[in-house]
Amino acid sequence: MSMHKPNPFSPTRRRSLITLGGLASAALLPSFARAAWDGKAVRIGYQKSSTLTVLAKARGALDKRLAPLGLKTEWFEFTSGLPLLEALNVGSIDFSADVADTVPVFAQAAGARLTYVAQEAPSPTAQAIVVPEVSPIRSLADLKGKKIGVAKASGAHYLLIAALAKGGLSPRDVEVAYLTPADGRAAFEKGAIDAWAIWDPFLAGVQRQSKVRRLTGEPAVAEYKRYYLAADSFAEARPDVLALIFDELKQTGRWVKANPKEAAAQLAPVWGLDADTVELANGRRSYDVRAVAADQLGEQQRIADAFFDEKLLPKKVVATEVRLWKPA
């Protein structure tokens, strides 16, 4: 039977992957012993926006496939990708649903022992920098001196850095306000920020409910891939289970693209959005789940270099120096 458990990582029990003074610390997670997989349940961490995992959970698909192996599923919901990968690193969960491409880079810089299992093919239009429709900001260069909201270490954070560079600017030329998606939406609609870097489904929500313009378009300045990861100990112990999860995610991704209205109807109550908004968001995500190869990590290296150059990573990261799970 599937079990849903509360997030075990309260602020008083863990060290965050991000610090108050920056995004990453050189002294991350050393006080926790890494727990090996217990062999009884597959503990899966996810975010509300983890589309394919949320659908697999709601349908009980993984429960059915794991039952013949004598395994059950336990589910842990997280608010964002960094604490999700922290839990994975210290052994509180075994598998992580999709996180933005930036998040594994920060985990790697922190010395986390994680295995890349899968990636979704690029979805560059599923994130954007938006401004109010009446804003005088017409180009990326016009962002100079403006206040821009973005979630720390998110894919949109890299989008912002890359877009500013394209406009001949750097983060030092603007005022960056680190905001969660909910706080960013509120600040944007009140006019407390001039622009907002955000991803779907939050992007689709503000596009449908407010009058906004995208500043970022074609050609894309960021690929925006999403990654699925596993704890090293779990990947070593049960590659067969990873193969089963990989296959389920791949099938679910194909189903979402083939059945956009039905998928939107199922996700709408989970996301708290109307079905049309969900369908718009899903239309921009590839949901094309595939294995990860070292020669596909070029964008990861660009992300690592950009954050290091901005002094947001404690050390240089070589993107290919990671463990990769390979389908049999």
Protein backbone atom coordinates (compact mmCIF):
# COMPACT_ATOMS: atom_id res chain seq x y z
CA MET A 1 0.00 0.00 0.00
CA SER A 2 1.16 3.51 -0.78
CA MET A 3 1.84 5.69 2.25
CA HIS A 4 2.03 9.48 2.37
CA LYS A 5 4.21 10.80 5.17
CA PRO A 6 4.99 14.34 6.27
CA ASN A 7 8.33 15.81 5.33
CA PRO A 8 10.77 14.66 8.04
CA PHE A 9 13.10 17.61 7.51
CA SER A 10 11.87 20.39 9.76
CA PRO A 11 14.16 23.43 9.97
CA THR A 12 15.31 22.42 13.44
CA ARG A 13 16.40 18.97 12.35
CA ARG A 14 18.42 19.69 9.26
CA ARG A 15 21.03 21.89 7.73
CA SER A 16 19.68 23.51 4.62
CA LEU A 17 21.42 23.26 1.28
CA ILE A 18 21.02 27.01 1.12
CA THR A 19 22.19 29.46 3.75
CA LEU A 20 20.83 32.84 4.74
CA GLY A 21 23.89 34.53 3.33
CA GLY A 22 23.96 32.79 -0.02
CA LEU A 23 22.93 29.70 -1.89
CA ALA A 24 25.49 27.07 -1.07
CA SER A 25 27.85 26.40 1.76
CA ALA A 26 31.11 24.53 1.75
CA ALA A 27 30.03 22.76 4.93
CA LEU A 28 26.84 21.04 3.84
CA LEU A 29 25.33 18.01 5.51
CA PRO A 30 28.42 16.66 7.31
CA SER A 31 26.63 16.04 10.60
CA PHE A 32 24.31 13.38 9.19
CA ALA A 33 25.28 9.77 8.62
CA ARG A 34 24.08 8.55 5.26
CA ALA A 35 21.55 5.77 5.70
CA ALA A 36 21.53 2.74 3.40
CA TRP A 37 18.29 1.55 1.86
CA ASP A 38 16.31 -0.64 4.27
CA GLY A 39 14.93 -2.96 1.58
CA LYS A 40 11.28 -2.64 2.64
CA ALA A 41 9.83 0.43 0.97
CA VAL A 42 10.72 2.76 -1.87
CA ARG A 43 10.60 6.25 -0.39
CA ILE A 44 9.83 8.81 -3.07
CA GLY A 45 10.20 12.56 -2.69
CA TYR A 46 8.30 14.91 -4.95
CA GLN A 47 7.04 18.46 -5.35
CA LYS A 48 3.48 19.43 -6.13
CA SER A 49 4.66 20.36 -9.63
CA SER A 50 6.28 16.94 -10.22
CA THR A 51 3.75 16.15 -12.91
CA LEU A 52 4.60 12.60 -13.90
CA THR A 53 5.29 11.43 -10.36
CA VAL A 54 2.10 13.03 -9.05
CA LEU A 55 0.08 11.23 -11.72
CA ALA A 56 1.81 7.90 -11.02
CA LYS A 57 1.07 8.38 -7.32
CA ALA A 58 -2.58 9.30 -7.87
CA ARG A 59 -3.15 6.28 -10.07
CA GLY A 60 -1.36 3.85 -7.78
CA ALA A 61 0.70 2.79 -10.79
CA LEU A 62 3.96 2.29 -8.91
CA ASP A 63 2.19 0.46 -6.08
CA LYS A 64 0.93 -2.11 -8.53
CA ARG A 65 4.29 -2.59 -10.19
CA LEU A 66 6.27 -2.79 -6.96
CA ALA A 67 3.90 -5.15 -5.13
CA PRO A 68 5.13 -8.32 -6.89
CA LEU A 69 8.63 -7.42 -5.68
CA GLY A 70 7.42 -7.30 -2.09
CA LEU A 71 7.87 -3.53 -1.92
CA LYS A 72 5.57 -0.67 -1.03
CA THR A 73 5.83 3.05 -1.72
CA GLU A 74 6.11 5.88 0.78
CA TRP A 75 5.61 9.46 -0.41
CA PHE A 76 7.16 12.67 0.94
CA GLU A 77 6.16 16.07 -0.42
CA PHE A 78 8.72 18.90 -0.47
CA THR A 79 8.29 22.58 -1.21
CA SER A 80 11.31 22.85 -3.51
CA GLY A 81 14.16 20.93 -5.09
CA LEU A 82 17.07 21.73 -2.76
CA PRO A 83 15.59 20.24 0.43
CA LEU A 84 14.36 17.31 -1.66
CA LEU A 85 17.90 16.46 -2.76
CA GLU A 86 19.17 17.07 0.76
CA ALA A 87 16.80 14.37 2.01
CA LEU A 88 18.00 12.10 -0.78
CA ASN A 89 21.63 12.68 0.16
CA VAL A 90 21.17 11.82 3.82
CA GLY A 91 19.10 8.71 3.10
CA SER A 92 15.66 9.83 4.20
CA ILE A 93 14.26 9.14 0.73
CA ASP A 94 15.46 6.82 -2.01
CA PHE A 95 14.24 8.49 -5.20
CA SER A 96 13.64 12.09 -6.19
CA ALA A 97 11.02 13.19 -8.66
CA ASP A 98 12.04 15.84 -11.15
CA VAL A 99 13.96 18.92 -10.06
CA ALA A 100 15.16 21.81 -12.21
CA ASP A 101 18.55 21.43 -13.88
CA THR A 102 20.17 23.92 -11.50
CA VAL A 103 19.41 21.91 -8.36
CA PRO A 104 21.74 18.93 -8.93
CA VAL A 105 24.57 21.38 -9.60
CA PHE A 106 24.20 22.86 -6.11
CA ALA A 107 23.93 19.37 -4.61
CA GLN A 108 27.09 18.32 -6.46
CA ALA A 109 28.96 21.37 -5.16
CA ALA A 110 27.86 20.36 -1.67
CA GLY A 111 29.37 16.89 -2.09
CA ALA A 112 26.03 15.07 -2.21
CA ARG A 113 26.28 11.42 -3.26
CA LEU A 114 23.50 11.13 -5.81
CA THR A 115 22.89 9.21 -9.02
CA TYR A 116 21.32 10.76 -12.10
CA VAL A 117 18.55 8.41 -13.25
CA ALA A 118 16.67 10.28 -15.97
CA GLN A 119 16.07 13.66 -17.53
CA GLU A 120 13.21 15.26 -19.39
CA ALA A 121 14.16 16.61 -22.81
CA PRO A 122 14.52 20.42 -22.89
CA SER A 123 11.44 22.58 -22.32
CA PRO A 124 12.80 26.10 -22.89
CA THR A 125 9.41 27.81 -23.21
CA ALA A 126 8.20 26.39 -19.86
CA GLN A 127 9.93 29.24 -18.02
CA ALA A 128 10.23 32.95 -18.75
CA ILE A 129 10.91 36.44 -17.46
CA VAL A 130 7.64 38.35 -17.53
CA VAL A 131 6.73 42.00 -17.04
CA PRO A 132 3.34 43.72 -16.78
CA GLU A 133 1.83 44.40 -20.19
CA VAL A 134 1.98 48.18 -19.56
CA SER A 135 5.61 48.09 -18.39
CA PRO A 136 8.07 50.34 -20.24
CA ILE A 137 10.55 47.43 -20.15
CA ARG A 138 10.74 46.22 -23.74
CA SER A 139 14.09 44.44 -23.91
CA LEU A 140 16.48 42.57 -21.68
CA ALA A 141 18.75 45.63 -21.63
CA ASP A 142 15.84 47.63 -20.16
CA LEU A 143 16.10 45.53 -16.98
CA LYS A 144 19.10 47.59 -15.85
CA GLY A 145 18.41 48.99 -12.38
CA LYS A 146 15.12 47.10 -12.07
CA LYS A 147 13.97 44.77 -9.31
CA ILE A 148 13.47 41.19 -10.44
CA GLY A 149 11.90 38.37 -8.43
CA VAL A 150 13.16 34.80 -8.74
CA ALA A 151 13.38 31.64 -6.62
CA LYS A 152 16.91 30.84 -5.45
CA ALA A 153 18.70 28.06 -7.32
CA SER A 154 15.70 27.41 -9.54
CA GLY A 155 15.90 26.87 -13.27
CA ALA A 156 14.49 30.38 -13.61
CA HIS A 157 17.46 31.68 -11.60
CA TYR A 158 19.83 30.44 -14.29
CA LEU A 159 17.45 31.76 -16.95
CA LEU A 160 17.74 35.19 -15.33
CA ILE A 161 21.56 35.11 -15.28
CA ALA A 162 21.71 33.92 -18.90
CA ALA A 163 19.11 36.43 -20.08
CA LEU A 164 20.87 39.33 -18.37
CA ALA A 165 24.11 38.32 -20.09
CA LYS A 166 22.32 38.28 -23.44
CA GLY A 167 21.12 41.82 -22.69
CA GLY A 168 24.67 42.96 -21.87
CA LEU A 169 24.00 42.99 -18.13
CA SER A 170 24.95 41.01 -15.03
CA PRO A 171 23.06 40.37 -11.78
CA ARG A 172 24.98 43.31 -10.30
CA ASP A 173 23.20 45.60 -12.74
CA VAL A 174 19.78 44.74 -11.30
CA GLU A 175 18.22 44.20 -7.90
CA VAL A 176 17.49 40.50 -7.43
CA ALA A 177 14.73 39.62 -4.95
CA TYR A 178 14.76 35.97 -3.88
CA LEU A 179 11.13 34.92 -3.60
CA THR A 180 9.18 31.68 -3.55
CA PRO A 181 6.70 31.32 -6.42
CA ALA A 182 3.78 32.29 -4.17
CA ASP A 183 5.58 35.35 -2.80
CA GLY A 184 6.84 36.24 -6.27
CA ARG A 185 3.31 36.20 -7.69
CA ALA A 186 2.06 38.46 -4.90
CA ALA A 187 4.96 40.89 -5.29
CA PHE A 188 4.56 40.96 -9.07
CA GLU A 189 0.86 41.72 -8.93
CA LYS A 190 1.35 44.46 -6.31
CA GLY A 191 4.06 46.09 -8.39
CA ALA A 192 6.71 45.46 -5.72
CA ILE A 193 8.98 43.94 -8.39
CA ASP A 194 9.43 45.10 -11.98
CA ALA A 195 9.87 41.65 -13.52
CA TRP A 196 9.49 38.04 -12.49
CA ALA A 197 11.50 34.99 -13.61
CA ILE A 198 9.23 31.98 -13.18
CA TRP A 199 8.40 28.52 -14.53
CA ASP A 200 5.27 26.52 -15.30
CA PRO A 201 2.65 25.99 -14.00
CA PHE A 202 3.13 29.32 -12.16
CA LEU A 203 4.02 30.97 -15.48
CA ALA A 204 0.82 29.73 -17.12
CA GLY A 205 -1.18 30.93 -14.11
CA VAL A 206 0.06 34.51 -14.29
CA GLN A 207 -0.26 34.57 -18.09
CA ARG A 208 -3.91 33.54 -17.97
CA GLN A 209 -4.93 35.63 -14.97
CA SER A 210 -2.90 38.83 -15.46
CA LYS A 211 -1.86 40.99 -18.39
CA VAL A 212 1.81 40.22 -18.89
CA ARG A 213 4.48 40.09 -21.58
CA ARG A 214 7.35 37.62 -21.95
CA LEU A 215 10.79 39.18 -22.24
CA THR A 216 12.45 35.89 -23.10
CA GLY A 217 11.65 34.02 -26.29
CA GLU A 218 13.41 32.48 -29.24
CA PRO A 219 16.19 31.63 -29.46
CA ALA A 220 16.10 30.24 -25.95
CA VAL A 221 18.88 31.29 -23.58
CA ALA A 222 18.35 28.26 -21.31
CA GLU A 223 17.39 24.70 -22.22
CA TYR A 224 15.51 23.97 -18.98
CA LYS A 225 15.82 20.23 -18.43
CA ARG A 226 14.45 18.48 -15.36
CA TYR A 227 16.25 15.60 -13.66
CA TYR A 228 15.25 12.53 -11.65
CA LEU A 229 17.81 11.24 -9.15
CA ALA A 230 18.37 8.41 -6.68
CA ALA A 231 20.43 7.93 -3.57
CA ASP A 232 23.67 6.13 -4.41
CA SER A 233 22.93 3.32 -1.95
CA PHE A 234 19.52 2.69 -3.50
CA ALA A 235 20.86 2.83 -7.06
CA GLU A 236 23.48 0.23 -6.14
CA ALA A 237 21.05 -2.02 -4.27
CA ARG A 238 18.09 -2.03 -6.68
CA PRO A 239 18.82 -1.04 -10.26
CA ASP A 240 15.85 -3.23 -11.22
CA VAL A 241 13.50 -0.97 -9.26
CA LEU A 242 14.99 2.10 -10.94
CA ALA A 243 14.31 0.45 -14.30
CA LEU A 244 10.68 -0.06 -13.30
CA ILE A 245 10.30 3.55 -12.11
CA PHE A 246 12.02 4.82 -15.26
CA ASP A 247 9.63 2.88 -17.46
CA GLU A 248 6.58 4.11 -15.55
CA LEU A 249 7.69 7.74 -15.83
CA LYS A 250 8.38 7.33 -19.55
CA GLN A 251 4.95 5.81 -20.16
CA THR A 252 3.24 8.49 -18.09
CA GLY A 253 5.01 11.22 -20.03
CA ARG A 254 3.78 9.80 -23.31
CA TRP A 255 0.25 9.53 -21.92
CA VAL A 256 0.22 13.20 -20.81
CA LYS A 257 1.24 14.39 -24.27
CA ALA A 258 -1.28 12.09 -25.99
CA ASN A 259 -4.14 12.97 -23.62
CA PRO A 260 -3.67 16.67 -22.73
CA LYS A 261 -7.22 17.39 -21.59
CA GLU A 262 -7.58 14.29 -19.43
CA ALA A 263 -4.15 14.90 -17.89
CA ALA A 264 -5.05 18.51 -17.15
CA ALA A 265 -8.32 17.46 -15.54
CA GLN A 266 -6.49 15.06 -13.22
CA LEU A 267 -3.79 17.59 -12.27
CA ALA A 268 -5.98 20.68 -11.86
CA PRO A 269 -7.23 19.88 -8.33
CA VAL A 270 -3.71 18.89 -7.23
CA TRP A 271 -2.19 22.14 -8.47
CA GLY A 272 -5.15 24.29 -7.45
CA LEU A 273 -5.45 25.65 -11.00
CA ASP A 274 -8.13 25.45 -13.65
CA ALA A 275 -7.75 22.75 -16.27
CA ASP A 276 -7.11 25.20 -19.13
CA THR A 277 -4.15 26.70 -17.26
CA VAL A 278 -2.74 23.25 -16.55
CA GLU A 279 -3.12 22.27 -20.20
CA LEU A 280 -1.24 25.40 -21.26
CA ALA A 281 1.59 24.57 -18.86
CA ASN A 282 1.73 20.92 -19.89
CA GLY A 283 1.88 21.91 -23.54
CA ARG A 284 5.24 23.59 -22.95
CA ARG A 285 6.85 20.75 -21.00
CA SER A 286 8.38 17.97 -23.10
CA TYR A 287 7.67 15.17 -20.59
CA ASP A 288 10.05 13.14 -22.76
CA VAL A 289 11.81 10.99 -20.15
CA ARG A 290 15.16 9.58 -21.20
CA ALA A 291 18.35 8.24 -19.71
CA VAL A 292 21.19 10.65 -18.93
CA ALA A 293 24.46 10.46 -20.85
CA ALA A 294 27.64 12.33 -19.98
CA ASP A 295 27.70 14.05 -23.36
CA GLN A 296 24.27 15.56 -22.60
CA LEU A 297 25.50 17.50 -19.57
CA GLY A 298 26.83 20.53 -21.41
CA GLU A 299 24.06 22.77 -20.10
CA GLN A 300 24.79 21.52 -16.57
CA GLN A 301 28.37 22.74 -17.00
CA ARG A 302 27.19 26.14 -18.25
CA ILE A 303 24.89 26.41 -15.25
CA ALA A 304 27.70 25.47 -12.84
CA ASP A 305 30.08 27.98 -14.41
CA ALA A 306 27.50 30.78 -14.35
CA PHE A 307 26.69 30.30 -10.66
CA PHE A 308 30.35 29.95 -9.73
CA ASP A 309 31.20 33.14 -11.60
CA GLU A 310 28.50 34.91 -9.60
CA LYS A 311 30.02 33.50 -6.37
CA LEU A 312 26.87 31.50 -5.66
CA LEU A 313 28.69 28.16 -5.61
CA PRO A 314 31.49 27.48 -3.10
CA LYS A 315 33.70 25.73 -5.65
CA LYS A 316 33.98 24.88 -9.32
CA VAL A 317 31.90 21.93 -10.45
CA VAL A 318 32.70 19.50 -13.24
CA ALA A 319 29.27 18.45 -14.43
CA THR A 320 30.38 15.10 -15.81
CA GLU A 321 31.85 13.97 -12.48
CA VAL A 322 28.58 12.35 -11.40
CA ARG A 323 27.15 8.85 -11.22
CA LEU A 324 24.84 7.94 -14.09
CA TRP A 325 22.33 5.09 -13.97
CA LYS A 326 22.01 3.27 -17.28
CA PRO A 327 19.06 1.16 -18.40
CA ALA A 328 19.95 -2.47 -18.96
